[in-house]
Amino acid sequence: MESDSSSTAALGFLVEFAQLSERRESELGLPAPNCPTAAELWRVVEIVKELHSGDTMGAQQANAYMQELAGISDKWVDPENDPIGVRLHPVLEGTIEGLRGSLEAAFPESAETLHTWGRLRPLQQALQRTVYLRSSNPSWLNRVWTRLSARGSKSESQKV
């Protein structure tokens, strides 16, 4: 279990980024696309506060928290290019991994399933990010193909 000062520092870190997200949403007038909302980041603060409280937690509650945190974390499609995500996403992923490890240790019969889930999440995130990046910034080959296709259809329509 972490000391009170380290859990206080962790909570302070999370609160800072929840506040930054609120500020960003206020300036934009809406939540940033492909990122968790400020309300979701405040929920992360609540969950981490509960995890650090020292109260005994059942496996169902730990699993529910792990799933909820994963759902929030997975909303960051491209955390490396988000000023909040670049710092907060790894911390959130570490918390999810810690919960998964605790559940694996507590329930060895489910360890393989939890381990598989933990291995598949990064793959799912990578696929989601690839689709997002390709749709938002097509490669040079896609741009060339689009131009050539448009040029070809114009020349065909002029022949008629």
Protein backbone atom coordinates (compact mmCIF):
# COMPACT_ATOMS: atom_id res chain seq x y z
CA MET A 1 0.00 0.00 0.00
CA GLU A 2 1.22 3.49 -0.83
CA SER A 3 2.07 6.06 1.78
CA ASP A 4 -0.34 8.91 2.41
CA SER A 5 2.00 11.45 0.81
CA SER A 6 2.40 9.48 -2.43
CA SER A 7 -1.35 8.85 -2.73
CA THR A 8 -1.96 12.57 -2.06
CA ALA A 9 0.55 13.45 -4.78
CA ALA A 10 -1.11 11.01 -7.20
CA LEU A 11 -4.53 12.49 -6.51
CA GLY A 12 -3.14 16.01 -6.92
CA PHE A 13 -1.70 15.01 -10.30
CA LEU A 14 -5.07 13.63 -11.44
CA VAL A 15 -6.98 16.66 -10.15
CA GLU A 16 -4.62 18.98 -12.04
CA PHE A 17 -5.36 17.24 -15.33
CA ALA A 18 -9.11 17.07 -14.68
CA GLN A 19 -9.01 20.84 -14.15
CA LEU A 20 -6.98 21.31 -17.36
CA SER A 21 -9.59 19.29 -19.22
CA GLU A 22 -12.36 21.47 -17.76
CA ARG A 23 -10.49 24.58 -18.88
CA ARG A 24 -10.00 23.18 -22.38
CA GLU A 25 -13.69 22.27 -22.66
CA SER A 26 -14.63 25.76 -21.48
CA GLU A 27 -12.38 27.38 -24.09
CA LEU A 28 -13.57 25.08 -26.89
CA GLY A 29 -17.21 25.22 -25.83
CA LEU A 30 -17.43 21.43 -26.05
CA PRO A 31 -15.37 18.37 -25.09
CA ALA A 32 -12.23 17.79 -27.12
CA PRO A 33 -12.71 15.11 -29.78
CA ASN A 34 -11.23 11.66 -29.26
CA CYS A 35 -10.44 12.31 -25.59
CA PRO A 36 -12.19 11.61 -22.30
CA THR A 37 -14.35 14.45 -21.03
CA ALA A 38 -13.55 16.44 -17.91
CA ALA A 39 -16.40 14.64 -16.14
CA GLU A 40 -14.79 11.30 -16.99
CA LEU A 41 -11.44 12.50 -15.67
CA TRP A 42 -13.13 13.58 -12.43
CA ARG A 43 -14.54 10.04 -12.27
CA VAL A 44 -10.95 8.75 -12.53
CA VAL A 45 -10.09 10.95 -9.54
CA GLU A 46 -12.98 9.40 -7.56
CA ILE A 47 -11.94 5.85 -8.46
CA VAL A 48 -8.28 6.40 -7.59
CA LYS A 49 -9.31 8.03 -4.31
CA GLU A 50 -11.35 4.91 -3.53
CA LEU A 51 -8.43 2.65 -4.48
CA HIS A 52 -6.10 4.56 -2.15
CA SER A 53 -8.59 4.71 0.72
CA GLY A 54 -7.34 1.44 2.18
CA ASP A 55 -10.83 -0.01 2.48
CA THR A 56 -11.17 -3.66 1.57
CA MET A 57 -12.50 -4.04 -1.93
CA GLY A 58 -14.19 -7.07 -3.40
CA ALA A 59 -13.16 -8.62 -6.69
CA GLN A 60 -16.34 -7.49 -8.41
CA GLN A 61 -15.70 -3.88 -7.42
CA ALA A 62 -12.05 -4.06 -8.51
CA ASN A 63 -13.09 -5.55 -11.85
CA ALA A 64 -15.79 -2.88 -12.30
CA TYR A 65 -13.24 -0.13 -11.61
CA MET A 66 -10.75 -1.73 -14.00
CA GLN A 67 -13.35 -1.92 -16.78
CA GLU A 68 -14.52 1.65 -16.16
CA LEU A 69 -10.96 3.01 -16.20
CA ALA A 70 -10.24 1.05 -19.40
CA GLY A 71 -13.31 2.54 -21.07
CA ILE A 72 -12.19 6.04 -20.15
CA SER A 73 -8.59 5.40 -21.20
CA ASP A 74 -9.65 3.94 -24.54
CA LYS A 75 -11.37 7.21 -25.46
CA TRP A 76 -7.92 8.68 -26.07
CA VAL A 77 -7.47 7.78 -29.70
CA ASP A 78 -4.13 9.58 -30.00
CA PRO A 79 -2.84 10.37 -26.50
CA GLU A 80 0.68 11.16 -27.73
CA ASN A 81 -0.64 14.26 -29.53
CA ASP A 82 -2.86 15.50 -26.72
CA PRO A 83 -1.19 17.68 -24.06
CA ILE A 84 -3.30 16.06 -21.35
CA GLY A 85 -3.19 12.53 -22.72
CA VAL A 86 0.56 12.42 -23.17
CA ARG A 87 1.05 12.65 -19.40
CA LEU A 88 -2.16 11.20 -18.00
CA HIS A 89 -2.75 8.21 -20.31
CA PRO A 90 0.32 6.24 -19.11
CA VAL A 91 -0.69 6.82 -15.47
CA LEU A 92 -4.20 5.60 -16.20
CA GLU A 93 -2.86 2.55 -18.04
CA GLY A 94 -0.56 1.79 -15.09
CA THR A 95 -3.53 1.91 -12.71
CA ILE A 96 -5.47 -0.48 -14.96
CA GLU A 97 -2.49 -2.85 -15.09
CA GLY A 98 -2.16 -2.72 -11.30
CA LEU A 99 -5.82 -3.68 -10.86
CA ARG A 100 -5.45 -6.45 -13.43
CA GLY A 101 -2.37 -7.80 -11.65
CA SER A 102 -4.18 -7.76 -8.31
CA LEU A 103 -7.10 -9.65 -9.80
CA GLU A 104 -4.77 -12.19 -11.42
CA ALA A 105 -3.08 -12.81 -8.08
CA ALA A 106 -6.36 -13.09 -6.20
CA PHE A 107 -7.99 -15.37 -8.78
CA PRO A 108 -5.37 -17.60 -10.40
CA GLU A 109 -8.09 -19.53 -12.25
CA SER A 110 -8.96 -16.32 -14.15
CA ALA A 111 -5.38 -15.16 -14.63
CA GLU A 112 -5.11 -16.37 -18.22
CA THR A 113 -8.32 -14.57 -19.25
CA LEU A 114 -7.22 -11.36 -17.55
CA HIS A 115 -3.75 -11.64 -19.08
CA THR A 116 -5.25 -12.10 -22.56
CA TRP A 117 -7.51 -9.09 -22.02
CA GLY A 118 -4.45 -7.06 -20.96
CA ARG A 119 -2.54 -8.09 -24.10
CA LEU A 120 -5.43 -7.38 -26.48
CA ARG A 121 -6.17 -3.86 -25.21
CA PRO A 122 -2.97 -2.30 -26.63
CA LEU A 123 -3.68 -4.00 -29.95
CA GLN A 124 -7.22 -2.61 -29.99
CA GLN A 125 -5.88 0.86 -29.11
CA ALA A 126 -3.26 0.66 -31.89
CA LEU A 127 -5.89 -0.33 -34.46
CA GLN A 128 -8.21 2.44 -33.32
CA ARG A 129 -5.37 4.97 -33.53
CA THR A 130 -4.33 3.78 -37.00
CA VAL A 131 -7.86 4.12 -38.35
CA TYR A 132 -8.18 7.58 -36.79
CA LEU A 133 -4.83 8.82 -38.12
CA ARG A 134 -5.48 7.48 -41.62
CA SER A 135 -8.90 9.07 -41.79
CA SER A 136 -7.72 12.42 -40.41
CA ASN A 137 -4.46 12.64 -42.34
CA PRO A 138 -4.36 10.42 -45.41
CA SER A 139 -0.96 9.36 -46.60
CA TRP A 140 0.63 10.90 -49.65
CA LEU A 141 -0.29 7.82 -51.67
CA ASN A 142 -3.98 8.23 -50.82
CA ARG A 143 -3.82 11.94 -51.80
CA VAL A 144 -2.12 11.10 -55.12
CA TRP A 145 -4.66 8.36 -55.81
CA THR A 146 -7.54 10.75 -55.07
CA ARG A 147 -6.13 13.32 -57.51
CA LEU A 148 -5.49 10.73 -60.21
CA SER A 149 -8.96 9.26 -59.78
CA ALA A 150 -10.55 12.70 -60.07
CA ARG A 151 -8.46 13.49 -63.17
CA GLY A 152 -9.37 10.15 -64.77
CA SER A 153 -13.09 10.67 -64.26
CA LYS A 154 -12.89 14.18 -65.77
CA SER A 155 -11.14 12.91 -68.93
CA GLU A 156 -13.70 10.10 -69.31
CA SER A 157 -16.61 12.53 -69.03
CA GLN A 158 -15.01 14.82 -71.68
CA LYS A 159 -14.71 11.92 -74.19
CA VAL A 160 -18.47 11.42 -74.31
